[in-house]
Amino acid sequence: MSETEQKTEVTNLTTAAFDGYIGQEGLTVVDFWASWCGPCIQMAPQFEKAAELRPDYHFAKVNVDEEPQLAAKYQVSSIPTLAVLRDGELLGMAPGVVKAKELVEALDKLAG
């Protein structure tokens, strides 16, 4: 990897770190998922690809089995569910698998 290439990390969030992470300036996307969920496993490489395509945005995952209080706080009723926040404010949520290209296009529109 060259110095000009950025490897964007997808952060695994706990309840303790959640508020500080989503409070960052800019767009943050949170993937609510579980290890036993087939569609979540399909979503994982798409989410990681989106993070690589848009290193200026923040990407994080929340395992709903390990952090049920966060899933309850955001009323996650199916997984995977993506939550999009700007400067800590929830803009919207969407359940289901989304391709990386579609996700970054939607995020770019929100970033305006």
C-alpha atoms as a PDB file:
ATOM      1  CA  MET A   1       0.000   0.000   0.000  1.00  0.00           C
ATOM      2  CA  SER A   2       1.459   3.347  -0.991  1.00  0.00           C
ATOM      3  CA  GLU A   3       1.556   6.419   1.205  1.00  0.00           C
ATOM      4  CA  THR A   4      -1.251   7.991  -0.840  1.00  0.00           C
ATOM      5  CA  GLU A   5      -3.572   5.034  -0.353  1.00  0.00           C
ATOM      6  CA  GLN A   6      -5.661   4.989   2.783  1.00  0.00           C
ATOM      7  CA  LYS A   7      -6.878   1.831   4.448  1.00  0.00           C
ATOM      8  CA  THR A   8     -10.087   2.784   6.161  1.00  0.00           C
ATOM      9  CA  GLU A   9     -10.808   0.791   9.261  1.00  0.00           C
ATOM     10  CA  VAL A  10     -14.278  -0.386  10.129  1.00  0.00           C
ATOM     11  CA  THR A  11     -14.522   0.140  13.885  1.00  0.00           C
ATOM     12  CA  ASN A  12     -16.290  -2.385  16.119  1.00  0.00           C
ATOM     13  CA  LEU A  13     -18.224  -0.335  18.649  1.00  0.00           C
ATOM     14  CA  THR A  14     -19.175  -1.102  22.212  1.00  0.00           C
ATOM     15  CA  THR A  15     -21.732   0.791  24.236  1.00  0.00           C
ATOM     16  CA  ALA A  16     -18.921   2.566  26.104  1.00  0.00           C
ATOM     17  CA  ALA A  17     -17.331   3.889  22.887  1.00  0.00           C
ATOM     18  CA  PHE A  18     -20.500   4.476  20.863  1.00  0.00           C
ATOM     19  CA  ASP A  19     -21.461   8.052  21.734  1.00  0.00           C
ATOM     20  CA  GLY A  20     -17.924   9.351  21.323  1.00  0.00           C
ATOM     21  CA  TYR A  21     -17.529   7.646  17.954  1.00  0.00           C
ATOM     22  CA  ILE A  22     -20.827   8.771  16.415  1.00  0.00           C
ATOM     23  CA  GLY A  23     -20.284  12.289  17.715  1.00  0.00           C
ATOM     24  CA  GLN A  24     -17.442  12.802  15.253  1.00  0.00           C
ATOM     25  CA  GLU A  25     -17.833  15.534  12.673  1.00  0.00           C
ATOM     26  CA  GLY A  26     -19.124  14.321   9.319  1.00  0.00           C
ATOM     27  CA  LEU A  27     -20.987  11.243   8.172  1.00  0.00           C
ATOM     28  CA  THR A  28     -20.941   8.059  10.222  1.00  0.00           C
ATOM     29  CA  VAL A  29     -22.474   4.770   9.069  1.00  0.00           C
ATOM     30  CA  VAL A  30     -23.211   2.068  11.628  1.00  0.00           C
ATOM     31  CA  ASP A  31     -23.935  -1.522  10.591  1.00  0.00           C
ATOM     32  CA  PHE A  32     -26.025  -3.367  13.195  1.00  0.00           C
ATOM     33  CA  TRP A  33     -25.312  -7.070  12.663  1.00  0.00           C
ATOM     34  CA  ALA A  34     -24.866 -10.527  14.251  1.00  0.00           C
ATOM     35  CA  SER A  35     -22.469 -13.370  13.501  1.00  0.00           C
ATOM     36  CA  TRP A  36     -25.267 -15.917  12.916  1.00  0.00           C
ATOM     37  CA  CYS A  37     -27.097 -13.702  10.386  1.00  0.00           C
ATOM     38  CA  GLY A  38     -26.666 -14.807   6.746  1.00  0.00           C
ATOM     39  CA  PRO A  39     -27.566 -11.429   5.203  1.00  0.00           C
ATOM     40  CA  CYS A  40     -25.174  -9.741   7.679  1.00  0.00           C
ATOM     41  CA  ILE A  41     -22.363 -11.950   6.421  1.00  0.00           C
ATOM     42  CA  GLN A  42     -23.277 -10.934   2.839  1.00  0.00           C
ATOM     43  CA  MET A  43     -23.289  -7.270   3.866  1.00  0.00           C
ATOM     44  CA  ALA A  44     -19.853  -7.342   5.531  1.00  0.00           C
ATOM     45  CA  PRO A  45     -17.661  -7.205   2.378  1.00  0.00           C
ATOM     46  CA  GLN A  46     -19.925  -4.539   0.841  1.00  0.00           C
ATOM     47  CA  PHE A  47     -19.615  -2.426   3.988  1.00  0.00           C
ATOM     48  CA  GLU A  48     -15.825  -2.830   4.032  1.00  0.00           C
ATOM     49  CA  LYS A  49     -15.618  -1.900   0.338  1.00  0.00           C
ATOM     50  CA  ALA A  50     -17.723   1.226   0.972  1.00  0.00           C
ATOM     51  CA  ALA A  51     -15.315   2.185   3.776  1.00  0.00           C
ATOM     52  CA  GLU A  52     -12.389   1.834   1.364  1.00  0.00           C
ATOM     53  CA  LEU A  53     -14.164   3.905  -1.295  1.00  0.00           C
ATOM     54  CA  ARG A  54     -15.016   6.731   1.108  1.00  0.00           C
ATOM     55  CA  PRO A  55     -12.230   7.171   3.663  1.00  0.00           C
ATOM     56  CA  ASP A  56     -13.623  10.605   4.607  1.00  0.00           C
ATOM     57  CA  TYR A  57     -16.695   8.981   6.172  1.00  0.00           C
ATOM     58  CA  HIS A  58     -16.706   6.958   9.406  1.00  0.00           C
ATOM     59  CA  PHE A  59     -17.751   3.293   9.299  1.00  0.00           C
ATOM     60  CA  ALA A  60     -18.556   1.178  12.346  1.00  0.00           C
ATOM     61  CA  LYS A  61     -20.245  -2.075  13.256  1.00  0.00           C
ATOM     62  CA  VAL A  62     -22.324  -2.995  16.294  1.00  0.00           C
ATOM     63  CA  ASN A  63     -22.851  -6.666  17.123  1.00  0.00           C
ATOM     64  CA  VAL A  64     -26.442  -6.727  18.394  1.00  0.00           C
ATOM     65  CA  ASP A  65     -25.815  -9.871  20.460  1.00  0.00           C
ATOM     66  CA  GLU A  66     -22.926  -8.235  22.316  1.00  0.00           C
ATOM     67  CA  GLU A  67     -24.497  -4.752  22.544  1.00  0.00           C
ATOM     68  CA  PRO A  68     -28.285  -5.310  22.836  1.00  0.00           C
ATOM     69  CA  GLN A  69     -28.800  -1.955  24.569  1.00  0.00           C
ATOM     70  CA  LEU A  70     -27.572  -0.122  21.442  1.00  0.00           C
ATOM     71  CA  ALA A  71     -29.862  -2.173  19.224  1.00  0.00           C
ATOM     72  CA  ALA A  72     -32.757  -1.320  21.542  1.00  0.00           C
ATOM     73  CA  LYS A  73     -31.833   2.380  21.653  1.00  0.00           C
ATOM     74  CA  TYR A  74     -31.997   2.553  17.845  1.00  0.00           C
ATOM     75  CA  GLN A  75     -35.036   0.233  17.672  1.00  0.00           C
ATOM     76  CA  VAL A  76     -33.266  -2.239  15.404  1.00  0.00           C
ATOM     77  CA  SER A  77     -35.851  -4.918  14.631  1.00  0.00           C
ATOM     78  CA  SER A  78     -34.093  -6.684  11.752  1.00  0.00           C
ATOM     79  CA  ILE A  79     -30.479  -7.119  10.756  1.00  0.00           C
ATOM     80  CA  PRO A  80     -28.466  -6.034   9.011  1.00  0.00           C
ATOM     81  CA  THR A  81     -29.615  -2.466   9.549  1.00  0.00           C
ATOM     82  CA  LEU A  82     -27.563   0.574   8.604  1.00  0.00           C
ATOM     83  CA  ALA A  83     -27.851   3.824  10.554  1.00  0.00           C
ATOM     84  CA  VAL A  84     -26.509   7.018   9.017  1.00  0.00           C
ATOM     85  CA  LEU A  85     -25.597   9.954  11.245  1.00  0.00           C
ATOM     86  CA  ARG A  86     -24.168  13.402  10.574  1.00  0.00           C
ATOM     87  CA  ASP A  87     -22.311  15.098  13.423  1.00  0.00           C
ATOM     88  CA  GLY A  88     -23.970  12.652  15.831  1.00  0.00           C
ATOM     89  CA  GLU A  89     -27.532  13.290  14.621  1.00  0.00           C
ATOM     90  CA  LEU A  90     -29.435  10.342  13.154  1.00  0.00           C
ATOM     91  CA  LEU A  91     -30.383  10.999   9.521  1.00  0.00           C
ATOM     92  CA  GLY A  92     -32.004   7.659   8.828  1.00  0.00           C
ATOM     93  CA  MET A  93     -31.912   3.890   9.030  1.00  0.00           C
ATOM     94  CA  ALA A  94     -32.360   1.154   6.449  1.00  0.00           C
ATOM     95  CA  PRO A  95     -32.574  -2.622   6.886  1.00  0.00           C
ATOM     96  CA  GLY A  96     -31.185  -5.124   4.411  1.00  0.00           C
ATOM     97  CA  VAL A  97     -28.128  -5.777   2.293  1.00  0.00           C
ATOM     98  CA  VAL A  98     -26.858  -2.829   0.248  1.00  0.00           C
ATOM     99  CA  LYS A  99     -24.148  -2.985  -2.394  1.00  0.00           C
ATOM    100  CA  ALA A 100     -21.074  -0.820  -1.728  1.00  0.00           C
ATOM    101  CA  LYS A 101     -21.644   1.336  -4.817  1.00  0.00           C
ATOM    102  CA  GLU A 102     -25.257   2.079  -3.844  1.00  0.00           C
ATOM    103  CA  LEU A 103     -24.233   2.853  -0.278  1.00  0.00           C
ATOM    104  CA  VAL A 104     -21.513   5.342  -1.241  1.00  0.00           C
ATOM    105  CA  GLU A 105     -23.815   7.021  -3.779  1.00  0.00           C
ATOM    106  CA  ALA A 106     -26.463   7.503  -1.072  1.00  0.00           C
ATOM    107  CA  LEU A 107     -23.848   8.790   1.389  1.00  0.00           C
ATOM    108  CA  ASP A 108     -22.451  11.227  -1.180  1.00  0.00           C
ATOM    109  CA  LYS A 109     -25.941  12.679  -1.663  1.00  0.00           C
ATOM    110  CA  LEU A 110     -26.331  13.110   2.092  1.00  0.00           C
ATOM    111  CA  ALA A 111     -22.899  14.689   2.403  1.00  0.00           C
ATOM    112  CA  GLY A 112     -23.993  17.168  -0.261  1.00  0.00           C
END
